[in-house]
Amino acid sequence: MNEPATHPFFQRAAFLSAAPDLAATPDDNGYEVAVAGRSNAGKSSAINALCHQRGLARTSKTPGRTQQLIFFRLDDERRLVDLPGYGFAKVSLSIKQRWQLLMERYLEHRDSLKGLVVVMDIRHPLTDIDQQMIGWGIAADLPLLLLLTKADKLKRGAIARSLTEVRKALSAASVPVEVIAFSAVSRLGLEQAQDQISDWLAVAPRPQNSPAAAP
């Protein structure tokens, strides 16, 4: 994934730290955007696509591999945060409950967190646990970006219907909600997602080439 990036700073993403609890997180300053999603919704692939890197977020055939808050450094002030996958993880109920408590507290108490990306399979959006995660984001007063992944597996009409369904379901949300059809394979929605995350991270837009001044 080394094609030119619209937002080059994403390509500088690198692993920073892994936190099993809030006490182990990096200093709470600067700007962060968190990414959450079901264990089989393509969250790691979405993060890798956003950052134009193949192995930044580890993908696995074993659901629930991400069991901590994983922080990726973009620059001295900005970070992406990979939240523990939820849903089909083959772990005990007590561990699932611990993960959920960690995520809920992180969303509520992290001052540097500026937005939440929720990754959902476009073929199966808005499951009960997806809606729980969305509810936590709304309760924390965080703007939301809903990435409907694996859009390359559907035809255009089915994509449009899913987008309409999800937008209608969140139309009364008390926070801003952006819904994007996304594919890590075809790069559908990639630039739009990068634009939204960059806005949350307060990244200044690149200056446009201006015509030469008249003599």
N, C-alpha and C. Protein backbone atom coordinates (compact mmCIF):
# COMPACT_ATOMS: atom_id res chain seq x y z
N MET A 1 0.84 -1.19 0.00
CA MET A 1 0.00 0.00 0.00
C MET A 1 0.88 1.24 0.00
N ASN A 2 1.62 1.45 -1.05
CA ASN A 2 2.55 2.56 -1.10
C ASN A 2 2.17 3.60 -2.14
N GLU A 3 0.86 3.60 -2.53
CA GLU A 3 0.42 4.58 -3.49
C GLU A 3 0.42 5.96 -2.84
N PRO A 4 0.50 7.05 -3.63
CA PRO A 4 0.51 8.39 -3.06
C PRO A 4 -0.71 8.62 -2.19
N ALA A 5 -0.52 9.25 -1.05
CA ALA A 5 -1.61 9.48 -0.10
C ALA A 5 -2.09 10.91 -0.20
N THR A 6 -3.41 11.08 -0.13
CA THR A 6 -3.97 12.43 -0.10
C THR A 6 -3.55 13.13 1.18
N HIS A 7 -3.44 12.39 2.26
CA HIS A 7 -3.03 12.92 3.55
C HIS A 7 -1.73 12.21 3.95
N PRO A 8 -0.59 12.72 3.54
CA PRO A 8 0.67 11.99 3.73
C PRO A 8 1.00 11.64 5.17
N PHE A 9 0.49 12.41 6.14
CA PHE A 9 0.88 12.13 7.52
C PHE A 9 0.37 10.77 7.98
N PHE A 10 -0.69 10.23 7.34
CA PHE A 10 -1.16 8.90 7.71
C PHE A 10 -0.07 7.85 7.46
N GLN A 11 0.73 8.07 6.43
CA GLN A 11 1.77 7.10 6.08
C GLN A 11 2.88 7.04 7.13
N ARG A 12 2.95 8.03 7.98
CA ARG A 12 3.97 8.03 9.02
C ARG A 12 3.51 7.30 10.28
N ALA A 13 2.32 6.72 10.26
CA ALA A 13 1.80 6.02 11.44
C ALA A 13 2.74 4.89 11.86
N ALA A 14 2.96 4.78 13.16
CA ALA A 14 3.84 3.74 13.71
C ALA A 14 3.33 3.35 15.09
N PHE A 15 3.57 2.11 15.45
CA PHE A 15 3.14 1.63 16.77
C PHE A 15 3.78 2.49 17.86
N LEU A 16 2.96 2.90 18.82
CA LEU A 16 3.43 3.71 19.94
C LEU A 16 3.41 2.90 21.23
N SER A 17 2.26 2.33 21.60
CA SER A 17 2.17 1.58 22.84
C SER A 17 0.87 0.78 22.88
N ALA A 18 0.83 -0.19 23.80
CA ALA A 18 -0.38 -0.99 24.04
C ALA A 18 -0.74 -0.84 25.51
N ALA A 19 -2.00 -0.53 25.78
CA ALA A 19 -2.43 -0.25 27.15
C ALA A 19 -3.53 -1.22 27.57
N PRO A 20 -3.26 -2.06 28.58
CA PRO A 20 -4.30 -2.96 29.08
C PRO A 20 -5.32 -2.26 29.97
N ASP A 21 -5.00 -1.03 30.41
CA ASP A 21 -5.91 -0.26 31.24
C ASP A 21 -5.61 1.22 31.03
N LEU A 22 -6.46 2.08 31.59
CA LEU A 22 -6.30 3.52 31.37
C LEU A 22 -5.01 4.06 31.97
N ALA A 23 -4.53 3.45 33.04
CA ALA A 23 -3.30 3.93 33.68
C ALA A 23 -2.09 3.79 32.76
N ALA A 24 -2.17 2.88 31.80
CA ALA A 24 -1.03 2.62 30.91
C ALA A 24 -1.10 3.39 29.60
N THR A 25 -2.10 4.25 29.43
CA THR A 25 -2.22 4.99 28.18
C THR A 25 -1.21 6.13 28.11
N PRO A 26 -0.87 6.59 26.91
CA PRO A 26 0.03 7.74 26.78
C PRO A 26 -0.56 8.98 27.43
N ASP A 27 0.27 9.99 27.62
CA ASP A 27 -0.20 11.25 28.20
C ASP A 27 -1.43 11.75 27.44
N ASP A 28 -2.41 12.24 28.20
CA ASP A 28 -3.68 12.64 27.62
C ASP A 28 -3.61 14.08 27.12
N ASN A 29 -2.89 14.25 26.02
CA ASN A 29 -2.83 15.57 25.39
C ASN A 29 -2.76 15.39 23.88
N GLY A 30 -2.92 16.46 23.14
CA GLY A 30 -2.93 16.37 21.69
C GLY A 30 -4.27 15.92 21.17
N TYR A 31 -4.25 15.12 20.09
CA TYR A 31 -5.47 14.72 19.39
C TYR A 31 -5.45 13.22 19.14
N GLU A 32 -6.57 12.57 19.41
CA GLU A 32 -6.70 11.14 19.13
C GLU A 32 -8.01 10.86 18.43
N VAL A 33 -8.00 9.84 17.57
CA VAL A 33 -9.22 9.28 17.00
C VAL A 33 -9.18 7.79 17.24
N ALA A 34 -10.27 7.25 17.79
CA ALA A 34 -10.34 5.83 18.10
C ALA A 34 -11.12 5.09 17.03
N VAL A 35 -10.74 3.82 16.80
CA VAL A 35 -11.40 2.97 15.82
C VAL A 35 -11.91 1.72 16.53
N ALA A 36 -13.20 1.46 16.42
CA ALA A 36 -13.82 0.31 17.07
C ALA A 36 -14.57 -0.50 16.04
N GLY A 37 -14.79 -1.78 16.35
CA GLY A 37 -15.57 -2.60 15.43
C GLY A 37 -15.62 -4.05 15.85
N ARG A 38 -16.60 -4.77 15.32
CA ARG A 38 -16.71 -6.19 15.57
C ARG A 38 -15.45 -6.90 15.10
N SER A 39 -15.18 -8.02 15.71
CA SER A 39 -13.93 -8.72 15.45
C SER A 39 -13.78 -9.15 14.00
N ASN A 40 -14.88 -9.33 13.27
CA ASN A 40 -14.80 -9.80 11.89
C ASN A 40 -15.29 -8.75 10.89
N ALA A 41 -15.27 -7.48 11.29
CA ALA A 41 -15.81 -6.43 10.42
C ALA A 41 -14.75 -5.77 9.54
N GLY A 42 -13.49 -6.18 9.69
CA GLY A 42 -12.44 -5.60 8.87
C GLY A 42 -11.80 -4.37 9.46
N LYS A 43 -11.78 -4.27 10.79
CA LYS A 43 -11.23 -3.09 11.45
C LYS A 43 -9.74 -2.92 11.16
N SER A 44 -8.97 -3.98 11.34
CA SER A 44 -7.52 -3.88 11.11
C SER A 44 -7.23 -3.54 9.65
N SER A 45 -7.96 -4.15 8.73
CA SER A 45 -7.75 -3.86 7.31
C SER A 45 -8.09 -2.41 7.00
N ALA A 46 -9.12 -1.88 7.66
CA ALA A 46 -9.48 -0.47 7.45
C ALA A 46 -8.38 0.46 7.95
N ILE A 47 -7.82 0.17 9.13
CA ILE A 47 -6.73 0.99 9.67
C ILE A 47 -5.53 0.93 8.73
N ASN A 48 -5.19 -0.24 8.27
CA ASN A 48 -4.05 -0.38 7.36
C ASN A 48 -4.28 0.38 6.06
N ALA A 49 -5.50 0.33 5.54
CA ALA A 49 -5.81 1.07 4.32
C ALA A 49 -5.72 2.58 4.54
N LEU A 50 -6.25 3.06 5.66
CA LEU A 50 -6.20 4.48 5.97
C LEU A 50 -4.77 4.98 6.04
N CYS A 51 -3.87 4.13 6.54
CA CYS A 51 -2.47 4.53 6.74
C CYS A 51 -1.56 4.04 5.61
N HIS A 52 -2.13 3.44 4.57
CA HIS A 52 -1.34 2.99 3.43
C HIS A 52 -0.19 2.08 3.87
N GLN A 53 -0.49 1.20 4.82
CA GLN A 53 0.50 0.25 5.29
C GLN A 53 -0.16 -1.12 5.41
N ARG A 54 0.59 -2.17 5.11
CA ARG A 54 0.01 -3.51 5.12
C ARG A 54 -0.04 -4.12 6.51
N GLY A 55 0.95 -3.85 7.35
CA GLY A 55 1.05 -4.57 8.61
C GLY A 55 0.99 -3.71 9.85
N LEU A 56 0.45 -2.50 9.74
CA LEU A 56 0.40 -1.63 10.91
C LEU A 56 -0.50 -2.23 11.99
N ALA A 57 -1.76 -2.43 11.66
CA ALA A 57 -2.69 -3.12 12.56
C ALA A 57 -2.71 -4.58 12.15
N ARG A 58 -2.44 -5.45 13.09
CA ARG A 58 -2.32 -6.87 12.76
C ARG A 58 -3.69 -7.47 12.49
N THR A 59 -3.80 -8.12 11.33
CA THR A 59 -5.01 -8.86 11.01
C THR A 59 -4.83 -10.30 11.41
N SER A 60 -5.93 -10.96 11.71
CA SER A 60 -5.85 -12.34 12.17
C SER A 60 -7.14 -13.06 11.83
N LYS A 61 -7.03 -14.36 11.56
CA LYS A 61 -8.21 -15.19 11.37
C LYS A 61 -8.84 -15.56 12.71
N THR A 62 -8.15 -15.25 13.80
CA THR A 62 -8.68 -15.51 15.14
C THR A 62 -9.33 -14.26 15.67
N PRO A 63 -10.68 -14.22 15.76
CA PRO A 63 -11.35 -13.01 16.22
C PRO A 63 -10.92 -12.63 17.63
N GLY A 64 -10.87 -11.31 17.86
CA GLY A 64 -10.57 -10.83 19.21
C GLY A 64 -9.11 -10.76 19.54
N ARG A 65 -8.24 -10.72 18.52
CA ARG A 65 -6.81 -10.71 18.80
C ARG A 65 -6.38 -9.42 19.50
N THR A 66 -7.00 -8.29 19.12
CA THR A 66 -6.69 -7.02 19.78
C THR A 66 -7.36 -7.01 21.15
N GLN A 67 -6.58 -7.10 22.22
CA GLN A 67 -7.13 -7.21 23.56
C GLN A 67 -6.74 -6.03 24.44
N GLN A 68 -6.13 -5.02 23.85
CA GLN A 68 -5.72 -3.83 24.58
C GLN A 68 -6.04 -2.61 23.73
N LEU A 69 -5.83 -1.44 24.30
CA LEU A 69 -5.88 -0.21 23.51
C LEU A 69 -4.54 -0.06 22.81
N ILE A 70 -4.54 -0.11 21.49
CA ILE A 70 -3.30 -0.02 20.72
C ILE A 70 -3.18 1.39 20.16
N PHE A 71 -2.11 2.10 20.53
CA PHE A 71 -1.90 3.48 20.11
C PHE A 71 -0.89 3.53 18.97
N PHE A 72 -1.27 4.22 17.90
CA PHE A 72 -0.38 4.45 16.77
C PHE A 72 -0.06 5.95 16.70
N ARG A 73 1.20 6.25 16.64
CA ARG A 73 1.65 7.64 16.57
C ARG A 73 1.60 8.13 15.13
N LEU A 74 0.96 9.27 14.90
CA LEU A 74 0.98 9.91 13.59
C LEU A 74 2.02 11.01 13.55
N ASP A 75 2.09 11.80 14.62
CA ASP A 75 3.15 12.78 14.82
C ASP A 75 3.20 13.09 16.31
N ASP A 76 3.89 14.14 16.69
CA ASP A 76 4.07 14.42 18.12
C ASP A 76 2.76 14.73 18.83
N GLU A 77 1.73 15.13 18.10
CA GLU A 77 0.47 15.54 18.72
C GLU A 77 -0.70 14.64 18.40
N ARG A 78 -0.57 13.74 17.43
CA ARG A 78 -1.74 13.03 16.90
C ARG A 78 -1.54 11.52 16.94
N ARG A 79 -2.66 10.82 17.25
CA ARG A 79 -2.62 9.36 17.37
C ARG A 79 -3.91 8.75 16.85
N LEU A 80 -3.80 7.53 16.32
CA LEU A 80 -4.94 6.66 16.09
C LEU A 80 -4.93 5.59 17.17
N VAL A 81 -6.11 5.17 17.61
CA VAL A 81 -6.21 4.19 18.68
C VAL A 81 -7.09 3.03 18.21
N ASP A 82 -6.54 1.84 18.22
CA ASP A 82 -7.25 0.62 17.83
C ASP A 82 -7.85 0.02 19.10
N LEU A 83 -9.18 0.03 19.19
CA LEU A 83 -9.86 -0.51 20.36
C LEU A 83 -10.05 -2.02 20.23
N PRO A 84 -10.18 -2.74 21.35
CA PRO A 84 -10.38 -4.20 21.29
C PRO A 84 -11.58 -4.56 20.43
N GLY A 85 -11.40 -5.58 19.58
CA GLY A 85 -12.51 -6.07 18.78
C GLY A 85 -13.58 -6.67 19.67
N TYR A 86 -14.82 -6.57 19.23
CA TYR A 86 -15.90 -7.11 20.05
C TYR A 86 -16.80 -7.99 19.19
N GLY A 87 -17.60 -8.81 19.83
CA GLY A 87 -18.58 -9.60 19.11
C GLY A 87 -18.30 -11.08 19.16
N PHE A 88 -17.43 -11.56 18.25
CA PHE A 88 -17.24 -12.99 18.12
C PHE A 88 -15.97 -13.51 18.78
N ALA A 89 -15.32 -12.68 19.59
CA ALA A 89 -14.08 -13.11 20.25
C ALA A 89 -14.34 -14.35 21.10
N LYS A 90 -13.51 -15.38 20.90
CA LYS A 90 -13.68 -16.63 21.65
C LYS A 90 -12.92 -16.55 22.97
N VAL A 91 -13.45 -15.74 23.86
CA VAL A 91 -12.86 -15.57 25.18
C VAL A 91 -13.99 -15.65 26.20
N SER A 92 -13.61 -15.69 27.45
CA SER A 92 -14.60 -15.83 28.51
C SER A 92 -15.45 -14.57 28.64
N LEU A 93 -16.62 -14.72 29.22
CA LEU A 93 -17.52 -13.59 29.43
C LEU A 93 -16.87 -12.53 30.30
N SER A 94 -16.10 -12.95 31.29
CA SER A 94 -15.46 -11.98 32.19
C SER A 94 -14.46 -11.12 31.44
N ILE A 95 -13.72 -11.72 30.50
CA ILE A 95 -12.76 -10.94 29.70
C ILE A 95 -13.50 -9.98 28.79
N LYS A 96 -14.58 -10.44 28.16
CA LYS A 96 -15.37 -9.55 27.31
C LYS A 96 -15.88 -8.36 28.11
N GLN A 97 -16.36 -8.63 29.32
CA GLN A 97 -16.88 -7.55 30.15
C GLN A 97 -15.77 -6.57 30.53
N ARG A 98 -14.55 -7.08 30.77
CA ARG A 98 -13.43 -6.21 31.10
C ARG A 98 -13.07 -5.32 29.91
N TRP A 99 -13.06 -5.91 28.70
CA TRP A 99 -12.79 -5.12 27.50
C TRP A 99 -13.82 -4.01 27.34
N GLN A 100 -15.09 -4.37 27.52
CA GLN A 100 -16.15 -3.39 27.33
C GLN A 100 -16.05 -2.26 28.34
N LEU A 101 -15.72 -2.59 29.59
CA LEU A 101 -15.57 -1.56 30.61
C LEU A 101 -14.40 -0.64 30.28
N LEU A 102 -13.30 -1.23 29.80
CA LEU A 102 -12.14 -0.44 29.41
C LEU A 102 -12.51 0.53 28.29
N MET A 103 -13.19 0.05 27.26
CA MET A 103 -13.56 0.91 26.15
C MET A 103 -14.51 2.01 26.58
N GLU A 104 -15.49 1.66 27.40
CA GLU A 104 -16.46 2.65 27.84
C GLU A 104 -15.79 3.76 28.65
N ARG A 105 -14.91 3.38 29.56
CA ARG A 105 -14.21 4.38 30.38
C ARG A 105 -13.27 5.23 29.53
N TYR A 106 -12.60 4.60 28.59
CA TYR A 106 -11.70 5.35 27.70
C TYR A 106 -12.49 6.40 26.93
N LEU A 107 -13.62 6.01 26.34
CA LEU A 107 -14.41 6.95 25.57
C LEU A 107 -14.93 8.10 26.43
N GLU A 108 -15.27 7.82 27.66
CA GLU A 108 -15.85 8.84 28.54
C GLU A 108 -14.81 9.81 29.10
N HIS A 109 -13.60 9.32 29.36
CA HIS A 109 -12.66 10.11 30.17
C HIS A 109 -11.42 10.60 29.42
N ARG A 110 -11.24 10.23 28.17
CA ARG A 110 -10.03 10.62 27.44
C ARG A 110 -10.22 11.99 26.82
N ASP A 111 -9.60 13.01 27.37
CA ASP A 111 -9.79 14.38 26.90
C ASP A 111 -9.27 14.60 25.48
N SER A 112 -8.20 13.91 25.11
CA SER A 112 -7.61 14.11 23.80
C SER A 112 -8.38 13.40 22.68
N LEU A 113 -9.37 12.59 23.03
CA LEU A 113 -10.15 11.86 22.04
C LEU A 113 -11.13 12.81 21.35
N LYS A 114 -11.02 12.93 20.03
CA LYS A 114 -11.80 13.91 19.29
C LYS A 114 -12.86 13.29 18.39
N GLY A 115 -12.85 11.98 18.21
CA GLY A 115 -13.85 11.35 17.36
C GLY A 115 -13.74 9.84 17.44
N LEU A 116 -14.83 9.16 17.09
CA LEU A 116 -14.89 7.70 17.14
C LEU A 116 -15.30 7.16 15.78
N VAL A 117 -14.48 6.26 15.25
CA VAL A 117 -14.79 5.54 14.01
C VAL A 117 -15.35 4.18 14.40
N VAL A 118 -16.55 3.85 13.95
CA VAL A 118 -17.13 2.54 14.19
C VAL A 118 -17.19 1.79 12.87
N VAL A 119 -16.49 0.67 12.81
CA VAL A 119 -16.40 -0.15 11.60
C VAL A 119 -17.47 -1.22 11.65
N MET A 120 -18.30 -1.28 10.61
CA MET A 120 -19.36 -2.28 10.53
C MET A 120 -19.36 -2.92 9.14
N ASP A 121 -19.57 -4.21 9.08
CA ASP A 121 -19.73 -4.91 7.80
C ASP A 121 -20.99 -4.38 7.13
N ILE A 122 -20.85 -3.86 5.92
CA ILE A 122 -21.98 -3.24 5.23
C ILE A 122 -23.13 -4.22 5.01
N ARG A 123 -22.82 -5.52 5.02
CA ARG A 123 -23.87 -6.53 4.82
C ARG A 123 -24.64 -6.81 6.10
N HIS A 124 -24.06 -6.45 7.26
CA HIS A 124 -24.69 -6.72 8.55
C HIS A 124 -24.46 -5.55 9.51
N PRO A 125 -24.94 -4.36 9.18
CA PRO A 125 -24.67 -3.20 10.05
C PRO A 125 -25.63 -3.15 11.23
N LEU A 126 -25.26 -2.33 12.21
CA LEU A 126 -26.13 -2.00 13.33
C LEU A 126 -26.60 -3.22 14.12
N THR A 127 -25.68 -4.15 14.38
CA THR A 127 -26.01 -5.22 15.31
C THR A 127 -26.20 -4.62 16.70
N ASP A 128 -26.71 -5.42 17.61
CA ASP A 128 -26.93 -4.91 18.97
C ASP A 128 -25.65 -4.36 19.58
N ILE A 129 -24.55 -5.07 19.38
CA ILE A 129 -23.30 -4.63 20.01
C ILE A 129 -22.71 -3.43 19.27
N ASP A 130 -22.96 -3.32 17.95
CA ASP A 130 -22.57 -2.09 17.24
C ASP A 130 -23.32 -0.90 17.82
N GLN A 131 -24.60 -1.07 18.06
CA GLN A 131 -25.40 0.02 18.58
C GLN A 131 -24.98 0.38 20.00
N GLN A 132 -24.51 -0.60 20.76
CA GLN A 132 -23.99 -0.31 22.09
C GLN A 132 -22.75 0.58 21.99
N MET A 133 -21.85 0.24 21.08
CA MET A 133 -20.64 1.05 20.90
C MET A 133 -21.01 2.46 20.43
N ILE A 134 -21.93 2.55 19.49
CA ILE A 134 -22.39 3.86 19.02
C ILE A 134 -23.00 4.65 20.18
N GLY A 135 -23.77 3.97 21.02
CA GLY A 135 -24.37 4.62 22.18
C GLY A 135 -23.33 5.16 23.13
N TRP A 136 -22.24 4.42 23.35
CA TRP A 136 -21.16 4.91 24.21
C TRP A 136 -20.54 6.18 23.61
N GLY A 137 -20.35 6.16 22.28
CA GLY A 137 -19.80 7.35 21.64
C GLY A 137 -20.70 8.56 21.79
N ILE A 138 -21.99 8.35 21.61
CA ILE A 138 -22.95 9.45 21.76
C ILE A 138 -22.96 9.93 23.21
N ALA A 139 -22.95 9.00 24.17
CA ALA A 139 -22.94 9.38 25.59
C ALA A 139 -21.71 10.19 25.94
N ALA A 140 -20.58 9.92 25.26
CA ALA A 140 -19.34 10.65 25.49
C ALA A 140 -19.28 11.95 24.67
N ASP A 141 -20.35 12.23 23.91
CA ASP A 141 -20.45 13.45 23.09
C ASP A 141 -19.36 13.49 22.03
N LEU A 142 -19.09 12.34 21.42
CA LEU A 142 -18.07 12.25 20.38
C LEU A 142 -18.73 12.22 19.00
N PRO A 143 -18.21 12.99 18.04
CA PRO A 143 -18.69 12.83 16.67
C PRO A 143 -18.34 11.44 16.16
N LEU A 144 -19.18 10.90 15.29
CA LEU A 144 -19.04 9.52 14.83
C LEU A 144 -18.80 9.46 13.33
N LEU A 145 -17.92 8.55 12.95
CA LEU A 145 -17.74 8.17 11.55
C LEU A 145 -18.03 6.67 11.46
N LEU A 146 -19.09 6.31 10.74
CA LEU A 146 -19.46 4.91 10.59
C LEU A 146 -18.95 4.44 9.24
N LEU A 147 -17.96 3.54 9.27
CA LEU A 147 -17.39 2.97 8.06
C LEU A 147 -18.08 1.65 7.77
N LEU A 148 -18.83 1.58 6.68
CA LEU A 148 -19.49 0.35 6.27
C LEU A 148 -18.55 -0.40 5.35
N THR A 149 -17.79 -1.33 5.94
CA THR A 149 -16.69 -1.98 5.24
C THR A 149 -17.17 -3.11 4.34
N LYS A 150 -16.21 -3.61 3.55
CA LYS A 150 -16.44 -4.72 2.63
C LYS A 150 -17.46 -4.37 1.56
N ALA A 151 -17.53 -3.07 1.21
CA ALA A 151 -18.49 -2.61 0.22
C ALA A 151 -18.20 -3.18 -1.17
N ASP A 152 -16.98 -3.66 -1.38
CA ASP A 152 -16.65 -4.27 -2.67
C ASP A 152 -17.43 -5.56 -2.90
N LYS A 153 -18.03 -6.11 -1.87
CA LYS A 153 -18.77 -7.35 -1.99
C LYS A 153 -20.23 -7.14 -2.39
N LEU A 154 -20.66 -5.88 -2.50
CA LEU A 154 -22.04 -5.57 -2.86
C LEU A 154 -22.09 -4.76 -4.15
N LYS A 155 -23.24 -4.83 -4.81
CA LYS A 155 -23.47 -4.00 -5.98
C LYS A 155 -23.91 -2.61 -5.54
N ARG A 156 -23.89 -1.69 -6.49
CA ARG A 156 -24.14 -0.29 -6.16
C ARG A 156 -25.49 -0.07 -5.49
N GLY A 157 -26.53 -0.73 -5.96
CA GLY A 157 -27.85 -0.55 -5.37
C GLY A 157 -27.91 -1.02 -3.93
N ALA A 158 -27.28 -2.15 -3.64
CA ALA A 158 -27.27 -2.67 -2.27
C ALA A 158 -26.48 -1.76 -1.35
N ILE A 159 -25.40 -1.18 -1.86
CA ILE A 159 -24.61 -0.22 -1.08
C ILE A 159 -25.47 0.98 -0.71
N ALA A 160 -26.19 1.51 -1.69
CA ALA A 160 -27.04 2.68 -1.46
C ALA A 160 -28.12 2.37 -0.44
N ARG A 161 -28.71 1.19 -0.50
CA ARG A 161 -29.76 0.83 0.46
C ARG A 161 -29.21 0.74 1.88
N SER A 162 -28.02 0.16 2.02
CA SER A 162 -27.42 0.05 3.35
C SER A 162 -27.07 1.41 3.92
N LEU A 163 -26.52 2.28 3.09
CA LEU A 163 -26.21 3.64 3.53
C LEU A 163 -27.46 4.37 4.01
N THR A 164 -28.54 4.25 3.24
CA THR A 164 -29.80 4.89 3.60
C THR A 164 -30.33 4.36 4.92
N GLU A 165 -30.26 3.04 5.10
CA GLU A 165 -30.75 2.41 6.32
C GLU A 165 -30.00 2.92 7.55
N VAL A 166 -28.67 2.96 7.45
CA VAL A 166 -27.86 3.37 8.60
C VAL A 166 -28.04 4.85 8.88
N ARG A 167 -28.06 5.67 7.84
CA ARG A 167 -28.25 7.11 8.04
C ARG A 167 -29.61 7.41 8.68
N LYS A 168 -30.64 6.69 8.25
CA LYS A 168 -31.96 6.90 8.83
C LYS A 168 -31.97 6.50 10.31
N ALA A 169 -31.31 5.40 10.63
CA ALA A 169 -31.29 4.92 12.01
C ALA A 169 -30.59 5.90 12.95
N LEU A 170 -29.62 6.67 12.42
CA LEU A 170 -28.85 7.60 13.26
C LEU A 170 -29.25 9.06 13.03
N SER A 171 -30.34 9.27 12.33
CA SER A 171 -30.72 10.64 11.97
C SER A 171 -31.04 11.52 13.17
N ALA A 172 -31.45 10.90 14.27
CA ALA A 172 -31.82 11.69 15.45
C ALA A 172 -30.70 11.75 16.48
N ALA A 173 -29.50 11.28 16.13
CA ALA A 173 -28.39 11.28 17.09
C ALA A 173 -28.05 12.70 17.52
N SER A 174 -27.61 12.83 18.75
CA SER A 174 -27.29 14.15 19.31
C SER A 174 -25.88 14.61 18.99
N VAL A 175 -25.15 13.82 18.21
CA VAL A 175 -23.79 14.18 17.79
C VAL A 175 -23.71 14.09 16.27
N PRO A 176 -22.75 14.75 15.64
CA PRO A 176 -22.59 14.61 14.20
C PRO A 176 -22.25 13.17 13.82
N VAL A 177 -22.89 12.66 12.77
CA VAL A 177 -22.67 11.29 12.31
C VAL A 177 -22.42 11.31 10.81
N GLU A 178 -21.28 10.77 10.39
CA GLU A 178 -20.96 10.61 8.98
C GLU A 178 -20.97 9.12 8.67
N VAL A 179 -21.63 8.72 7.58
CA VAL A 179 -21.72 7.31 7.19
C VAL A 179 -21.11 7.16 5.81
N ILE A 180 -20.12 6.27 5.69
CA ILE A 180 -19.38 6.11 4.45
C ILE A 180 -19.31 4.63 4.07
N ALA A 181 -19.59 4.32 2.82
CA ALA A 181 -19.32 2.99 2.29
C ALA A 181 -17.82 2.88 2.05
N PHE A 182 -17.21 1.79 2.52
CA PHE A 182 -15.76 1.70 2.55
C PHE A 182 -15.30 0.32 2.10
N SER A 183 -14.18 0.29 1.41
CA SER A 183 -13.56 -0.98 1.04
C SER A 183 -12.05 -0.85 1.11
N ALA A 184 -11.43 -1.69 1.92
CA ALA A 184 -9.97 -1.71 1.98
C ALA A 184 -9.38 -2.29 0.70
N VAL A 185 -10.18 -3.03 -0.05
CA VAL A 185 -9.71 -3.67 -1.29
C VAL A 185 -9.73 -2.68 -2.45
N SER A 186 -10.89 -2.05 -2.67
CA SER A 186 -11.03 -1.15 -3.82
C SER A 186 -10.70 0.30 -3.49
N ARG A 187 -10.52 0.62 -2.22
CA ARG A 187 -10.25 1.96 -1.70
C ARG A 187 -11.47 2.87 -1.78
N LEU A 188 -12.65 2.29 -1.98
CA LEU A 188 -13.87 3.07 -1.95
C LEU A 188 -14.00 3.76 -0.60
N GLY A 189 -14.24 5.06 -0.61
CA GLY A 189 -14.45 5.82 0.62
C GLY A 189 -13.19 6.17 1.38
N LEU A 190 -12.03 5.78 0.88
CA LEU A 190 -10.79 5.99 1.63
C LEU A 190 -10.49 7.47 1.82
N GLU A 191 -10.50 8.23 0.74
CA GLU A 191 -10.16 9.64 0.85
C GLU A 191 -11.17 10.39 1.71
N GLN A 192 -12.44 10.04 1.58
CA GLN A 192 -13.48 10.69 2.38
C GLN A 192 -13.27 10.41 3.87
N ALA A 193 -12.91 9.17 4.19
CA ALA A 193 -12.65 8.82 5.59
C ALA A 193 -11.42 9.56 6.12
N GLN A 194 -10.37 9.63 5.30
CA GLN A 194 -9.18 10.37 5.71
C GLN A 194 -9.49 11.85 5.93
N ASP A 195 -10.35 12.42 5.09
CA ASP A 195 -10.73 13.82 5.25
C ASP A 195 -11.40 14.05 6.61
N GLN A 196 -12.33 13.15 6.97
CA GLN A 196 -13.04 13.33 8.23
C GLN A 196 -12.11 13.18 9.42
N ILE A 197 -11.27 12.15 9.41
CA ILE A 197 -10.35 11.92 10.52
C ILE A 197 -9.36 13.07 10.63
N SER A 198 -8.87 13.56 9.50
CA SER A 198 -7.94 14.70 9.51
C SER A 198 -8.59 15.93 10.12
N ASP A 199 -9.86 16.13 9.83
CA ASP A 199 -10.57 17.27 10.41
C ASP A 199 -10.64 17.14 11.92
N TRP A 200 -10.94 15.95 12.42
CA TRP A 200 -10.97 15.73 13.88
C TRP A 200 -9.60 15.94 14.50
N LEU A 201 -8.56 15.55 13.78
CA LEU A 201 -7.20 15.67 14.30
C LEU A 201 -6.64 17.07 14.11
N ALA A 202 -7.47 17.97 13.61
CA ALA A 202 -7.07 19.36 13.41
C ALA A 202 -5.83 19.47 12.53
N VAL A 203 -5.82 18.69 11.45
CA VAL A 203 -4.72 18.75 10.49
C VAL A 203 -5.03 19.86 9.49
N ALA A 204 -4.15 20.81 9.38
CA ALA A 204 -4.36 21.91 8.44
C ALA A 204 -4.38 21.36 7.02
N PRO A 205 -5.32 21.79 6.19
CA PRO A 205 -5.34 21.33 4.80
C PRO A 205 -4.09 21.76 4.07
N ARG A 206 -3.67 20.92 3.12
CA ARG A 206 -2.48 21.27 2.34
C ARG A 206 -2.76 22.50 1.49
N PRO A 207 -1.82 23.44 1.41
CA PRO A 207 -2.06 24.63 0.58
C PRO A 207 -2.20 24.26 -0.88
N GLN A 208 -3.12 24.92 -1.55
CA GLN A 208 -3.31 24.70 -2.98
C GLN A 208 -2.26 25.48 -3.75
N ASN A 209 -1.87 24.94 -4.90
CA ASN A 209 -0.93 25.67 -5.75
C ASN A 209 -1.59 26.93 -6.25
N SER A 210 -0.97 28.03 -5.99
CA SER A 210 -1.53 29.31 -6.42
C SER A 210 -0.79 29.80 -7.66
N PRO A 211 -1.48 30.54 -8.52
CA PRO A 211 -0.82 31.07 -9.72
C PRO A 211 0.29 32.04 -9.34
N ALA A 212 1.28 32.10 -10.16
CA ALA A 212 2.41 33.00 -9.90
C ALA A 212 1.94 34.46 -9.87
N ALA A 213 2.54 35.19 -8.97
CA ALA A 213 2.16 36.60 -8.84
C ALA A 213 2.53 37.36 -10.11
N ALA A 214 1.69 38.30 -10.45
CA ALA A 214 1.97 39.11 -11.66
C ALA A 214 3.17 40.01 -11.39
N PRO A 215 3.99 40.24 -12.38
CA PRO A 215 5.15 41.10 -12.18
C PRO A 215 4.75 42.53 -11.92
